[in-house]
Amino acid sequence: MKSKNALSPKVTNTPQEPDVILGKATVKVPVVLAETVVQIDLNPTIKFPEPVLEIKDIKKNLKITQCRLLLPTNKLFISGFVRKNIQYATPKYGTKDSVISSIRSLTIDVPFKAVTEVDYIRKPQFAFGPDSKEFTFFTESKLPDGFSSKEKLLAGDLSQFDQFSGEEFNELPYCQLLSSRFIEYDEALDRKMGRVHDEHGKLIDAPFEEGTFKEIEEKMVVEVKLKVLQKQQLNVDSRKKY
């Protein structure tokens, strides 16, 4: 039985005017505190599980695990890692004129931590809790034997503890990742021209200019563009558009 072409039929729709509350109102919305590009420098050493003839491709993805603005300062703490998938050729056998290789891949995470100071577009809302204050009440009590019966002990009440304190609950700022860019330079540390090893580490024949390696040093600059936001209350005036 022949399968039918799975095309979705075209249907009609009717635009609707949104139901909007008119007049002045107070809303609580995310407000941009800062927008910045953070540059992070990485210099990892990567070891391969087998000899590498050449690297074919490297794909990179940025992963942020923490982005925290430390109030009341303007310091932004960032941590995460770069996920790298490295495709490379590993020799199987060769001759003086050619090398036959298998394509393999290695996926690793390159971690990083950084602290930077941001310039505020709008300052965050932040309040400290009230100062803790202690107070007491005056009391009169009888004195023990040895004192005049006409006298009394005048002092603060030590039988109870009185205090004024409180808490302020602030909105926690958060980050939104906008984009990332990578600039990298990879250099083999143990490559020797004319020495080619197969996937088992055995020396094989190969053209004189070829060589294998198992370790590279990477110099990478990561540029991270992000927003720092906080929910704040704003006054708005909604008017019907004619």
C-alpha atoms as a PDB file:
ATOM      1  CA  MET A   1       0.000   0.000   0.000  1.00  0.00           C
ATOM      2  CA  LYS A   2       1.414   3.384  -1.022  1.00  0.00           C
ATOM      3  CA  SER A   3       1.857   5.941   1.737  1.00  0.00           C
ATOM      4  CA  LYS A   4       0.119   9.271   1.254  1.00  0.00           C
ATOM      5  CA  ASN A   5       1.951  12.541   1.175  1.00  0.00           C
ATOM      6  CA  ALA A   6       1.907  13.829   4.780  1.00  0.00           C
ATOM      7  CA  LEU A   7       1.173  17.473   4.020  1.00  0.00           C
ATOM      8  CA  SER A   8      -0.611  19.586   6.627  1.00  0.00           C
ATOM      9  CA  PRO A   9      -3.758  21.203   5.191  1.00  0.00           C
ATOM     10  CA  LYS A  10      -3.951  24.996   5.177  1.00  0.00           C
ATOM     11  CA  VAL A  11      -6.544  26.361   7.590  1.00  0.00           C
ATOM     12  CA  THR A  12      -7.924  29.820   8.338  1.00  0.00           C
ATOM     13  CA  ASN A  13      -7.512  31.870  11.492  1.00  0.00           C
ATOM     14  CA  THR A  14      -9.243  34.927  12.938  1.00  0.00           C
ATOM     15  CA  PRO A  15      -7.093  37.621  14.565  1.00  0.00           C
ATOM     16  CA  GLN A  16      -8.298  38.678  18.012  1.00  0.00           C
ATOM     17  CA  GLU A  17      -7.675  41.940  19.835  1.00  0.00           C
ATOM     18  CA  PRO A  18      -5.936  41.339  23.198  1.00  0.00           C
ATOM     19  CA  ASP A  19      -7.927  42.125  26.320  1.00  0.00           C
ATOM     20  CA  VAL A  20      -5.897  44.934  27.917  1.00  0.00           C
ATOM     21  CA  ILE A  21      -6.487  46.683  31.238  1.00  0.00           C
ATOM     22  CA  LEU A  22      -6.327  50.430  30.618  1.00  0.00           C
ATOM     23  CA  GLY A  23      -5.011  53.081  32.972  1.00  0.00           C
ATOM     24  CA  LYS A  24      -2.145  53.319  35.416  1.00  0.00           C
ATOM     25  CA  ALA A  25      -0.855  50.162  37.049  1.00  0.00           C
ATOM     26  CA  THR A  26       2.112  48.827  38.994  1.00  0.00           C
ATOM     27  CA  VAL A  27       3.738  45.765  37.468  1.00  0.00           C
ATOM     28  CA  LYS A  28       6.524  43.466  38.572  1.00  0.00           C
ATOM     29  CA  VAL A  29       8.725  42.550  35.610  1.00  0.00           C
ATOM     30  CA  PRO A  30      12.320  41.473  34.842  1.00  0.00           C
ATOM     31  CA  VAL A  31      14.527  44.561  34.529  1.00  0.00           C
ATOM     32  CA  VAL A  32      17.943  44.528  32.829  1.00  0.00           C
ATOM     33  CA  LEU A  33      20.626  45.467  35.350  1.00  0.00           C
ATOM     34  CA  ALA A  34      23.585  44.943  33.016  1.00  0.00           C
ATOM     35  CA  GLU A  35      24.499  43.537  29.620  1.00  0.00           C
ATOM     36  CA  THR A  36      28.112  42.584  29.100  1.00  0.00           C
ATOM     37  CA  VAL A  37      30.630  40.425  27.225  1.00  0.00           C
ATOM     38  CA  VAL A  38      32.908  38.426  29.515  1.00  0.00           C
ATOM     39  CA  GLN A  39      36.208  37.127  28.145  1.00  0.00           C
ATOM     40  CA  ILE A  40      37.514  33.883  29.679  1.00  0.00           C
ATOM     41  CA  ASP A  41      41.000  32.514  28.916  1.00  0.00           C
ATOM     42  CA  LEU A  42      41.597  28.738  28.996  1.00  0.00           C
ATOM     43  CA  ASN A  43      44.818  26.774  28.594  1.00  0.00           C
ATOM     44  CA  PRO A  44      44.064  23.040  29.045  1.00  0.00           C
ATOM     45  CA  THR A  45      46.192  20.049  28.028  1.00  0.00           C
ATOM     46  CA  ILE A  46      44.189  17.312  26.284  1.00  0.00           C
ATOM     47  CA  LYS A  47      45.330  13.678  26.158  1.00  0.00           C
ATOM     48  CA  PHE A  48      43.986  11.224  23.572  1.00  0.00           C
ATOM     49  CA  PRO A  49      43.428   7.522  24.290  1.00  0.00           C
ATOM     50  CA  GLU A  50      45.220   6.513  21.051  1.00  0.00           C
ATOM     51  CA  PRO A  51      47.679   7.962  18.511  1.00  0.00           C
ATOM     52  CA  VAL A  52      46.302  10.824  16.404  1.00  0.00           C
ATOM     53  CA  LEU A  53      47.412  11.459  12.835  1.00  0.00           C
ATOM     54  CA  GLU A  54      45.429  14.690  12.482  1.00  0.00           C
ATOM     55  CA  ILE A  55      42.427  16.494  13.943  1.00  0.00           C
ATOM     56  CA  LYS A  56      39.508  16.658  11.511  1.00  0.00           C
ATOM     57  CA  ASP A  57      37.081  18.905  13.372  1.00  0.00           C
ATOM     58  CA  ILE A  58      36.320  20.350  16.820  1.00  0.00           C
ATOM     59  CA  LYS A  59      32.798  21.293  17.885  1.00  0.00           C
ATOM     60  CA  LYS A  60      32.309  23.392  21.002  1.00  0.00           C
ATOM     61  CA  ASN A  61      29.326  24.231  23.219  1.00  0.00           C
ATOM     62  CA  LEU A  62      29.292  26.574  26.199  1.00  0.00           C
ATOM     63  CA  LYS A  63      27.589  25.375  29.398  1.00  0.00           C
ATOM     64  CA  ILE A  64      27.053  27.774  32.335  1.00  0.00           C
ATOM     65  CA  THR A  65      26.505  26.116  35.715  1.00  0.00           C
ATOM     66  CA  GLN A  66      26.551  29.275  37.854  1.00  0.00           C
ATOM     67  CA  CYS A  67      26.035  32.975  37.151  1.00  0.00           C
ATOM     68  CA  ARG A  68      25.568  34.857  40.406  1.00  0.00           C
ATOM     69  CA  LEU A  69      25.652  38.580  41.132  1.00  0.00           C
ATOM     70  CA  LEU A  70      26.998  39.104  44.646  1.00  0.00           C
ATOM     71  CA  LEU A  71      24.929  41.924  46.123  1.00  0.00           C
ATOM     72  CA  PRO A  72      25.484  44.602  47.293  1.00  0.00           C
ATOM     73  CA  THR A  73      28.661  44.576  45.143  1.00  0.00           C
ATOM     74  CA  ASN A  74      28.803  44.570  41.335  1.00  0.00           C
ATOM     75  CA  LYS A  75      30.903  41.398  41.142  1.00  0.00           C
ATOM     76  CA  LEU A  76      29.556  38.625  38.915  1.00  0.00           C
ATOM     77  CA  PHE A  77      30.698  35.064  39.617  1.00  0.00           C
ATOM     78  CA  ILE A  78      30.583  32.743  36.594  1.00  0.00           C
ATOM     79  CA  SER A  79      31.429  29.054  36.352  1.00  0.00           C
ATOM     80  CA  GLY A  80      30.776  26.322  33.818  1.00  0.00           C
ATOM     81  CA  PHE A  81      32.552  24.332  31.141  1.00  0.00           C
ATOM     82  CA  VAL A  82      33.159  24.110  27.422  1.00  0.00           C
ATOM     83  CA  ARG A  83      31.961  20.830  25.925  1.00  0.00           C
ATOM     84  CA  LYS A  84      34.372  19.820  23.166  1.00  0.00           C
ATOM     85  CA  ASN A  85      33.811  17.052  20.640  1.00  0.00           C
ATOM     86  CA  ILE A  86      37.067  16.366  18.803  1.00  0.00           C
ATOM     87  CA  GLN A  87      37.005  14.269  15.630  1.00  0.00           C
ATOM     88  CA  TYR A  88      40.392  12.845  14.691  1.00  0.00           C
ATOM     89  CA  ALA A  89      42.085  10.233  12.492  1.00  0.00           C
ATOM     90  CA  THR A  90      43.841   7.227  14.068  1.00  0.00           C
ATOM     91  CA  PRO A  91      46.132   5.182  11.746  1.00  0.00           C
ATOM     92  CA  LYS A  92      45.299   1.515  11.139  1.00  0.00           C
ATOM     93  CA  TYR A  93      48.083   0.597   8.695  1.00  0.00           C
ATOM     94  CA  GLY A  94      50.255   2.327   6.123  1.00  0.00           C
ATOM     95  CA  THR A  95      52.935   2.230   3.456  1.00  0.00           C
ATOM     96  CA  LYS A  96      55.680   4.597   2.392  1.00  0.00           C
ATOM     97  CA  ASP A  97      53.133   6.420   0.235  1.00  0.00           C
ATOM     98  CA  SER A  98      49.876   6.326   2.239  1.00  0.00           C
ATOM     99  CA  VAL A  99      48.183   5.938   5.628  1.00  0.00           C
ATOM    100  CA  ILE A 100      44.807   4.278   6.183  1.00  0.00           C
ATOM    101  CA  SER A 101      43.017   5.716   9.240  1.00  0.00           C
ATOM    102  CA  SER A 102      39.848   5.321  11.252  1.00  0.00           C
ATOM    103  CA  ILE A 103      37.829   8.378  12.270  1.00  0.00           C
ATOM    104  CA  ARG A 104      37.258   8.559  16.029  1.00  0.00           C
ATOM    105  CA  SER A 105      35.894  11.176  18.395  1.00  0.00           C
ATOM    106  CA  LEU A 106      36.711  12.348  21.902  1.00  0.00           C
ATOM    107  CA  THR A 107      34.230  14.343  24.009  1.00  0.00           C
ATOM    108  CA  ILE A 108      35.563  16.207  27.023  1.00  0.00           C
ATOM    109  CA  ASP A 109      34.496  19.040  29.345  1.00  0.00           C
ATOM    110  CA  VAL A 110      36.913  21.924  29.966  1.00  0.00           C
ATOM    111  CA  PRO A 111      35.836  23.647  33.234  1.00  0.00           C
ATOM    112  CA  PHE A 112      36.316  27.308  34.097  1.00  0.00           C
ATOM    113  CA  LYS A 113      35.605  29.839  36.862  1.00  0.00           C
ATOM    114  CA  ALA A 114      35.737  33.613  36.611  1.00  0.00           C
ATOM    115  CA  VAL A 115      34.816  36.783  38.513  1.00  0.00           C
ATOM    116  CA  THR A 116      34.149  40.101  36.785  1.00  0.00           C
ATOM    117  CA  GLU A 117      32.760  43.523  37.675  1.00  0.00           C
ATOM    118  CA  VAL A 118      29.714  44.685  35.696  1.00  0.00           C
ATOM    119  CA  ASP A 119      28.615  48.239  34.913  1.00  0.00           C
ATOM    120  CA  TYR A 120      25.007  48.762  35.891  1.00  0.00           C
ATOM    121  CA  ILE A 121      22.462  50.065  33.403  1.00  0.00           C
ATOM    122  CA  ARG A 122      20.015  50.134  36.296  1.00  0.00           C
ATOM    123  CA  LYS A 123      21.029  49.470  39.873  1.00  0.00           C
ATOM    124  CA  PRO A 124      19.571  46.412  41.612  1.00  0.00           C
ATOM    125  CA  GLN A 125      17.084  46.811  44.418  1.00  0.00           C
ATOM    126  CA  PHE A 126      18.661  45.615  47.649  1.00  0.00           C
ATOM    127  CA  ALA A 127      17.771  46.233  51.294  1.00  0.00           C
ATOM    128  CA  PHE A 128      19.452  45.164  54.513  1.00  0.00           C
ATOM    129  CA  GLY A 129      17.469  43.830  57.425  1.00  0.00           C
ATOM    130  CA  PRO A 130      16.950  46.164  60.422  1.00  0.00           C
ATOM    131  CA  ASP A 131      19.699  46.293  63.037  1.00  0.00           C
ATOM    132  CA  SER A 132      19.137  43.886  65.887  1.00  0.00           C
ATOM    133  CA  LYS A 133      18.388  45.806  69.108  1.00  0.00           C
ATOM    134  CA  GLU A 134      17.971  44.545  72.636  1.00  0.00           C
ATOM    135  CA  PHE A 135      15.895  46.182  75.334  1.00  0.00           C
ATOM    136  CA  THR A 136      14.789  45.400  78.875  1.00  0.00           C
ATOM    137  CA  PHE A 137      12.203  46.435  81.480  1.00  0.00           C
ATOM    138  CA  PHE A 138      12.710  47.987  84.868  1.00  0.00           C
ATOM    139  CA  THR A 139      11.788  45.867  87.907  1.00  0.00           C
ATOM    140  CA  GLU A 140      11.681  46.224  91.678  1.00  0.00           C
ATOM    141  CA  SER A 141      12.379  43.264  93.927  1.00  0.00           C
ATOM    142  CA  LYS A 142      13.045  42.605  97.613  1.00  0.00           C
ATOM    143  CA  LEU A 143      16.566  42.516  98.947  1.00  0.00           C
ATOM    144  CA  PRO A 144      17.846  39.533 100.978  1.00  0.00           C
ATOM    145  CA  ASP A 145      18.684  39.632 104.688  1.00  0.00           C
ATOM    146  CA  GLY A 146      21.429  42.078 105.509  1.00  0.00           C
ATOM    147  CA  PHE A 147      19.801  45.014 103.747  1.00  0.00           C
ATOM    148  CA  SER A 148      17.400  47.561 105.134  1.00  0.00           C
ATOM    149  CA  SER A 149      13.779  46.468 104.865  1.00  0.00           C
ATOM    150  CA  LYS A 150      12.963  49.868 103.454  1.00  0.00           C
ATOM    151  CA  GLU A 151      15.264  49.366 100.433  1.00  0.00           C
ATOM    152  CA  LYS A 152      14.489  47.490  97.248  1.00  0.00           C
ATOM    153  CA  LEU A 153      16.611  46.137  94.362  1.00  0.00           C
ATOM    154  CA  LEU A 154      16.120  48.381  91.371  1.00  0.00           C
ATOM    155  CA  ALA A 155      17.397  46.771  88.122  1.00  0.00           C
ATOM    156  CA  GLY A 156      16.568  45.427  84.717  1.00  0.00           C
ATOM    157  CA  ASP A 157      14.540  42.213  84.453  1.00  0.00           C
ATOM    158  CA  LEU A 158      17.036  39.369  83.919  1.00  0.00           C
ATOM    159  CA  SER A 159      14.319  36.741  83.799  1.00  0.00           C
ATOM    160  CA  GLN A 160      13.450  37.514  80.179  1.00  0.00           C
ATOM    161  CA  PHE A 161      15.204  38.434  76.921  1.00  0.00           C
ATOM    162  CA  ASP A 162      13.688  41.151  74.709  1.00  0.00           C
ATOM    163  CA  GLN A 163      14.888  42.020  71.219  1.00  0.00           C
ATOM    164  CA  PHE A 164      13.878  43.932  68.077  1.00  0.00           C
ATOM    165  CA  SER A 165      14.985  42.272  64.808  1.00  0.00           C
ATOM    166  CA  GLY A 166      13.704  41.389  61.340  1.00  0.00           C
ATOM    167  CA  GLU A 167      14.447  40.240  57.797  1.00  0.00           C
ATOM    168  CA  GLU A 168      14.365  41.771  54.306  1.00  0.00           C
ATOM    169  CA  PHE A 169      13.605  39.449  51.384  1.00  0.00           C
ATOM    170  CA  ASN A 170      15.258  40.671  48.175  1.00  0.00           C
ATOM    171  CA  GLU A 171      14.684  39.498  44.629  1.00  0.00           C
ATOM    172  CA  LEU A 172      17.620  37.363  43.505  1.00  0.00           C
ATOM    173  CA  PRO A 173      19.270  38.623  40.282  1.00  0.00           C
ATOM    174  CA  TYR A 174      19.743  36.044  37.528  1.00  0.00           C
ATOM    175  CA  CYS A 175      21.481  35.717  34.156  1.00  0.00           C
ATOM    176  CA  GLN A 176      20.383  35.109  30.591  1.00  0.00           C
ATOM    177  CA  LEU A 177      22.934  33.715  28.147  1.00  0.00           C
ATOM    178  CA  LEU A 178      22.840  35.522  24.786  1.00  0.00           C
ATOM    179  CA  SER A 179      25.773  34.204  22.737  1.00  0.00           C
ATOM    180  CA  SER A 180      29.246  32.702  22.879  1.00  0.00           C
ATOM    181  CA  ARG A 181      32.323  32.848  20.642  1.00  0.00           C
ATOM    182  CA  PHE A 182      35.460  30.720  20.689  1.00  0.00           C
ATOM    183  CA  ILE A 183      38.968  31.544  19.485  1.00  0.00           C
ATOM    184  CA  GLU A 184      41.386  28.649  19.862  1.00  0.00           C
ATOM    185  CA  TYR A 185      44.849  27.429  18.937  1.00  0.00           C
ATOM    186  CA  ASP A 186      45.775  23.748  19.378  1.00  0.00           C
ATOM    187  CA  GLU A 187      49.352  22.481  19.219  1.00  0.00           C
ATOM    188  CA  ALA A 188      50.620  18.891  19.451  1.00  0.00           C
ATOM    189  CA  LEU A 189      53.198  18.397  22.223  1.00  0.00           C
ATOM    190  CA  ASP A 190      54.673  15.001  21.306  1.00  0.00           C
ATOM    191  CA  ARG A 191      54.502  14.761  17.493  1.00  0.00           C
ATOM    192  CA  LYS A 192      57.640  13.545  15.712  1.00  0.00           C
ATOM    193  CA  MET A 193      57.804  13.676  11.941  1.00  0.00           C
ATOM    194  CA  GLY A 194      58.373  10.275  10.324  1.00  0.00           C
ATOM    195  CA  ARG A 195      57.081   8.292  13.313  1.00  0.00           C
ATOM    196  CA  VAL A 196      53.513   7.000  12.912  1.00  0.00           C
ATOM    197  CA  HIS A 197      51.889   4.618  15.405  1.00  0.00           C
ATOM    198  CA  ASP A 198      48.728   2.624  14.787  1.00  0.00           C
ATOM    199  CA  GLU A 199      45.737   2.378  17.145  1.00  0.00           C
ATOM    200  CA  HIS A 200      47.602  -0.230  19.224  1.00  0.00           C
ATOM    201  CA  GLY A 201      50.718   1.918  19.555  1.00  0.00           C
ATOM    202  CA  LYS A 202      52.791  -0.106  17.065  1.00  0.00           C
ATOM    203  CA  LEU A 203      55.149   1.787  14.741  1.00  0.00           C
ATOM    204  CA  ILE A 204      54.024   1.456  11.078  1.00  0.00           C
ATOM    205  CA  ASP A 205      55.250   2.579   7.655  1.00  0.00           C
ATOM    206  CA  ALA A 206      54.099   6.008   6.487  1.00  0.00           C
ATOM    207  CA  PRO A 207      55.196   8.926   4.277  1.00  0.00           C
ATOM    208  CA  PHE A 208      58.202  10.751   5.764  1.00  0.00           C
ATOM    209  CA  GLU A 209      56.279  13.941   6.592  1.00  0.00           C
ATOM    210  CA  GLU A 210      53.598  12.192   8.663  1.00  0.00           C
ATOM    211  CA  GLY A 211      53.601  11.778  12.443  1.00  0.00           C
ATOM    212  CA  THR A 212      51.258  10.929  15.298  1.00  0.00           C
ATOM    213  CA  PHE A 213      50.695  12.452  18.721  1.00  0.00           C
ATOM    214  CA  LYS A 214      48.627  11.779  21.855  1.00  0.00           C
ATOM    215  CA  GLU A 215      48.716  15.109  23.640  1.00  0.00           C
ATOM    216  CA  ILE A 216      47.847  18.679  22.646  1.00  0.00           C
ATOM    217  CA  GLU A 217      48.027  22.012  24.430  1.00  0.00           C
ATOM    218  CA  GLU A 218      45.086  24.297  23.781  1.00  0.00           C
ATOM    219  CA  LYS A 219      44.920  28.066  24.068  1.00  0.00           C
ATOM    220  CA  MET A 220      41.308  29.224  23.927  1.00  0.00           C
ATOM    221  CA  VAL A 221      39.533  32.539  24.459  1.00  0.00           C
ATOM    222  CA  VAL A 222      35.809  32.292  25.208  1.00  0.00           C
ATOM    223  CA  GLU A 223      33.622  35.384  24.822  1.00  0.00           C
ATOM    224  CA  VAL A 224      30.313  35.114  26.676  1.00  0.00           C
ATOM    225  CA  LYS A 225      27.570  37.691  26.115  1.00  0.00           C
ATOM    226  CA  LEU A 226      24.923  37.752  28.820  1.00  0.00           C
ATOM    227  CA  LYS A 227      22.275  39.833  30.564  1.00  0.00           C
ATOM    228  CA  VAL A 228      21.878  40.242  34.319  1.00  0.00           C
ATOM    229  CA  LEU A 229      18.244  40.762  35.363  1.00  0.00           C
ATOM    230  CA  GLN A 230      16.165  41.273  38.491  1.00  0.00           C
ATOM    231  CA  LYS A 231      12.412  41.449  39.001  1.00  0.00           C
ATOM    232  CA  GLN A 232      11.405  44.971  40.006  1.00  0.00           C
ATOM    233  CA  GLN A 233       8.177  46.933  40.375  1.00  0.00           C
ATOM    234  CA  LEU A 234       7.483  49.614  37.769  1.00  0.00           C
ATOM    235  CA  ASN A 235       4.644  52.031  37.150  1.00  0.00           C
ATOM    236  CA  VAL A 236       3.081  51.837  33.672  1.00  0.00           C
ATOM    237  CA  ASP A 237       0.307  53.750  31.955  1.00  0.00           C
ATOM    238  CA  SER A 238      -1.705  51.604  29.546  1.00  0.00           C
ATOM    239  CA  ARG A 239      -3.690  53.414  26.892  1.00  0.00           C
ATOM    240  CA  LYS A 240      -5.863  52.007  24.140  1.00  0.00           C
ATOM    241  CA  LYS A 241      -4.309  52.327  20.696  1.00  0.00           C
ATOM    242  CA  TYR A 242      -6.741  53.566  18.074  1.00  0.00           C
END
